Amino acid sequence: MVAHKFGEEAVVDLRNFSLDGPERKKIRAAYARAQRDQMSFELVDGPHDLALLTELKIISDIWLRSKIGEEKGFSVGSFDPAYLDRTPIALAHRRKAQKCRPARDTGPEFLQDCDRP
């Protein structure tokens, strides 16, 4: 069996989207959890602040240490501050978090789970 990547983007018609129905049960649970944890979302345009890139590099390095091998820039991207400065970065903030930690890698954007004032 071989995994094949189909893409990284989706278009959702929000006028017709609903969390109703049994097929959306997991999404409803994740949404409720995000509300309980006081999650917020931010899309930050570049160029980016050096402090943000430094923090994201720490998160990226922690995530990489949890994987076997090393950066695979040819297939899934790599941490490149020059590239990141040219693209928006998606950030998720959790008010209850005690420290920054990797939450999810979305390719060139890194989703960050951090405590913010």
C-alpha atoms as a PDB file:
ATOM      1  CA  MET A   1       0.000   0.000   0.000  1.00  0.00           C
ATOM      2  CA  VAL A   2       1.279   3.475  -0.891  1.00  0.00           C
ATOM      3  CA  ALA A   3      -0.039   6.800   0.420  1.00  0.00           C
ATOM      4  CA  HIS A   4      -0.726   9.447  -2.203  1.00  0.00           C
ATOM      5  CA  LYS A   5      -1.058  13.113  -1.315  1.00  0.00           C
ATOM      6  CA  PHE A   6      -3.991  14.778  -3.058  1.00  0.00           C
ATOM      7  CA  GLY A   7      -3.563  18.383  -1.939  1.00  0.00           C
ATOM      8  CA  GLU A   8      -3.314  20.883   0.870  1.00  0.00           C
ATOM      9  CA  GLU A   9      -6.198  23.236   0.169  1.00  0.00           C
ATOM     10  CA  ALA A  10      -9.953  23.051   0.367  1.00  0.00           C
ATOM     11  CA  VAL A  11     -12.736  25.441  -0.506  1.00  0.00           C
ATOM     12  CA  VAL A  12     -15.761  25.388   1.778  1.00  0.00           C
ATOM     13  CA  ASP A  13     -18.978  27.220   0.894  1.00  0.00           C
ATOM     14  CA  LEU A  14     -19.717  28.702   4.330  1.00  0.00           C
ATOM     15  CA  ARG A  15     -23.243  29.672   3.277  1.00  0.00           C
ATOM     16  CA  ASN A  16     -24.127  25.958   3.132  1.00  0.00           C
ATOM     17  CA  PHE A  17     -21.765  24.552   5.773  1.00  0.00           C
ATOM     18  CA  SER A  18     -23.209  23.121   8.986  1.00  0.00           C
ATOM     19  CA  LEU A  19     -21.938  21.149  11.963  1.00  0.00           C
ATOM     20  CA  ASP A  20     -25.244  19.270  12.108  1.00  0.00           C
ATOM     21  CA  GLY A  21     -25.559  15.553  11.459  1.00  0.00           C
ATOM     22  CA  PRO A  22     -23.743  12.402  12.541  1.00  0.00           C
ATOM     23  CA  GLU A  23     -20.957  12.824   9.956  1.00  0.00           C
ATOM     24  CA  ARG A  24     -19.874  16.062  11.698  1.00  0.00           C
ATOM     25  CA  LYS A  25     -19.784  14.621  15.244  1.00  0.00           C
ATOM     26  CA  LYS A  26     -15.974  14.714  15.531  1.00  0.00           C
ATOM     27  CA  ILE A  27     -15.837  18.268  14.197  1.00  0.00           C
ATOM     28  CA  ARG A  28     -18.486  19.381  16.729  1.00  0.00           C
ATOM     29  CA  ALA A  29     -16.465  17.771  19.548  1.00  0.00           C
ATOM     30  CA  ALA A  30     -13.251  19.492  18.385  1.00  0.00           C
ATOM     31  CA  TYR A  31     -15.077  22.822  18.128  1.00  0.00           C
ATOM     32  CA  ALA A  32     -16.518  22.452  21.644  1.00  0.00           C
ATOM     33  CA  ARG A  33     -13.065  21.574  23.002  1.00  0.00           C
ATOM     34  CA  ALA A  34     -11.527  24.623  21.291  1.00  0.00           C
ATOM     35  CA  GLN A  35     -14.164  26.841  22.897  1.00  0.00           C
ATOM     36  CA  ARG A  36     -13.539  25.323  26.352  1.00  0.00           C
ATOM     37  CA  ASP A  37      -9.783  25.856  25.921  1.00  0.00           C
ATOM     38  CA  GLN A  38     -10.369  29.454  24.789  1.00  0.00           C
ATOM     39  CA  MET A  39      -8.653  28.887  21.447  1.00  0.00           C
ATOM     40  CA  SER A  40      -8.278  31.743  19.002  1.00  0.00           C
ATOM     41  CA  PHE A  41      -6.994  31.844  15.436  1.00  0.00           C
ATOM     42  CA  GLU A  42      -4.852  34.461  13.745  1.00  0.00           C
ATOM     43  CA  LEU A  43      -3.479  34.724  10.211  1.00  0.00           C
ATOM     44  CA  VAL A  44      -0.322  36.878  10.246  1.00  0.00           C
ATOM     45  CA  ASP A  45       1.014  38.367   7.014  1.00  0.00           C
ATOM     46  CA  GLY A  46       4.745  38.663   6.377  1.00  0.00           C
ATOM     47  CA  PRO A  47       7.306  39.968   6.719  1.00  0.00           C
ATOM     48  CA  HIS A  48       7.315  38.500  10.214  1.00  0.00           C
ATOM     49  CA  ASP A  49       8.759  39.710  13.476  1.00  0.00           C
ATOM     50  CA  LEU A  50      12.065  38.054  14.397  1.00  0.00           C
ATOM     51  CA  ALA A  51      10.631  37.046  17.797  1.00  0.00           C
ATOM     52  CA  LEU A  52       7.780  35.147  16.107  1.00  0.00           C
ATOM     53  CA  LEU A  53      10.126  33.362  13.697  1.00  0.00           C
ATOM     54  CA  THR A  54      12.416  32.440  16.591  1.00  0.00           C
ATOM     55  CA  GLU A  55       9.489  30.986  18.547  1.00  0.00           C
ATOM     56  CA  LEU A  56       8.263  29.058  15.502  1.00  0.00           C
ATOM     57  CA  LYS A  57      11.775  27.698  14.910  1.00  0.00           C
ATOM     58  CA  ILE A  58      11.793  26.314  18.456  1.00  0.00           C
ATOM     59  CA  ILE A  59       8.425  24.653  17.825  1.00  0.00           C
ATOM     60  CA  SER A  60       9.634  23.293  14.484  1.00  0.00           C
ATOM     61  CA  ASP A  61      12.773  21.852  16.103  1.00  0.00           C
ATOM     62  CA  ILE A  62      10.722  20.185  18.851  1.00  0.00           C
ATOM     63  CA  TRP A  63       8.442  18.658  16.216  1.00  0.00           C
ATOM     64  CA  LEU A  64      11.416  17.462  14.152  1.00  0.00           C
ATOM     65  CA  ARG A  65      13.004  15.787  17.176  1.00  0.00           C
ATOM     66  CA  SER A  66       9.800  13.773  17.615  1.00  0.00           C
ATOM     67  CA  LYS A  67      10.195  12.369  14.078  1.00  0.00           C
ATOM     68  CA  ILE A  68      12.667   9.857  12.731  1.00  0.00           C
ATOM     69  CA  GLY A  69      15.196  11.377  10.346  1.00  0.00           C
ATOM     70  CA  GLU A  70      15.738  14.989   9.420  1.00  0.00           C
ATOM     71  CA  GLU A  71      14.149  17.823   7.426  1.00  0.00           C
ATOM     72  CA  LYS A  72      12.657  16.591   4.173  1.00  0.00           C
ATOM     73  CA  GLY A  73      12.352  19.879   2.338  1.00  0.00           C
ATOM     74  CA  PHE A  74      11.959  18.205  -1.035  1.00  0.00           C
ATOM     75  CA  SER A  75       8.658  16.540  -0.065  1.00  0.00           C
ATOM     76  CA  VAL A  76       6.962  18.325   2.828  1.00  0.00           C
ATOM     77  CA  GLY A  77       8.730  21.672   3.164  1.00  0.00           C
ATOM     78  CA  SER A  78      11.237  22.875   5.698  1.00  0.00           C
ATOM     79  CA  PHE A  79      11.639  25.781   8.088  1.00  0.00           C
ATOM     80  CA  ASP A  80      12.888  28.614   5.877  1.00  0.00           C
ATOM     81  CA  PRO A  81      12.542  32.123   7.395  1.00  0.00           C
ATOM     82  CA  ALA A  82      13.010  33.798   3.991  1.00  0.00           C
ATOM     83  CA  TYR A  83      10.100  31.793   2.567  1.00  0.00           C
ATOM     84  CA  LEU A  84       7.948  32.315   5.653  1.00  0.00           C
ATOM     85  CA  ASP A  85       8.448  36.079   5.359  1.00  0.00           C
ATOM     86  CA  ARG A  86       6.696  35.921   1.972  1.00  0.00           C
ATOM     87  CA  THR A  87       3.642  33.983   3.145  1.00  0.00           C
ATOM     88  CA  PRO A  88       0.950  34.267   5.825  1.00  0.00           C
ATOM     89  CA  ILE A  89       1.390  32.111   8.920  1.00  0.00           C
ATOM     90  CA  ALA A  90      -1.619  30.571  10.678  1.00  0.00           C
ATOM     91  CA  LEU A  91      -1.408  30.765  14.479  1.00  0.00           C
ATOM     92  CA  ALA A  92      -3.705  29.195  17.046  1.00  0.00           C
ATOM     93  CA  HIS A  93      -3.532  30.523  20.570  1.00  0.00           C
ATOM     94  CA  ARG A  94      -4.734  28.678  23.673  1.00  0.00           C
ATOM     95  CA  ARG A  95      -5.143  30.888  26.729  1.00  0.00           C
ATOM     96  CA  LYS A  96      -4.941  27.955  29.140  1.00  0.00           C
ATOM     97  CA  ALA A  97      -1.661  26.611  27.737  1.00  0.00           C
ATOM     98  CA  GLN A  98       1.308  26.597  30.085  1.00  0.00           C
ATOM     99  CA  LYS A  99       3.937  26.754  27.361  1.00  0.00           C
ATOM    100  CA  CYS A 100       4.350  26.765  23.606  1.00  0.00           C
ATOM    101  CA  ARG A 101       4.252  23.390  21.955  1.00  0.00           C
ATOM    102  CA  PRO A 102       3.754  22.133  18.429  1.00  0.00           C
ATOM    103  CA  ALA A 103       0.131  21.515  17.571  1.00  0.00           C
ATOM    104  CA  ARG A 104       0.039  20.815  13.834  1.00  0.00           C
ATOM    105  CA  ASP A 105       2.201  21.364  10.772  1.00  0.00           C
ATOM    106  CA  THR A 106       0.209  22.681   7.829  1.00  0.00           C
ATOM    107  CA  GLY A 107       3.064  22.670   5.330  1.00  0.00           C
ATOM    108  CA  PRO A 108       4.591  26.127   4.989  1.00  0.00           C
ATOM    109  CA  GLU A 109       2.382  27.434   7.770  1.00  0.00           C
ATOM    110  CA  PHE A 110       2.828  26.282  11.338  1.00  0.00           C
ATOM    111  CA  LEU A 111      -0.112  26.140  13.703  1.00  0.00           C
ATOM    112  CA  GLN A 112       1.061  27.300  17.081  1.00  0.00           C
ATOM    113  CA  ASP A 113      -0.473  26.446  20.438  1.00  0.00           C
ATOM    114  CA  CYS A 114       0.770  29.064  22.892  1.00  0.00           C
ATOM    115  CA  ASP A 115      -0.223  31.106  25.898  1.00  0.00           C
ATOM    116  CA  ARG A 116      -0.643  34.764  24.966  1.00  0.00           C
ATOM    117  CA  PRO A 117      -1.403  37.747  27.233  1.00  0.00           C
END
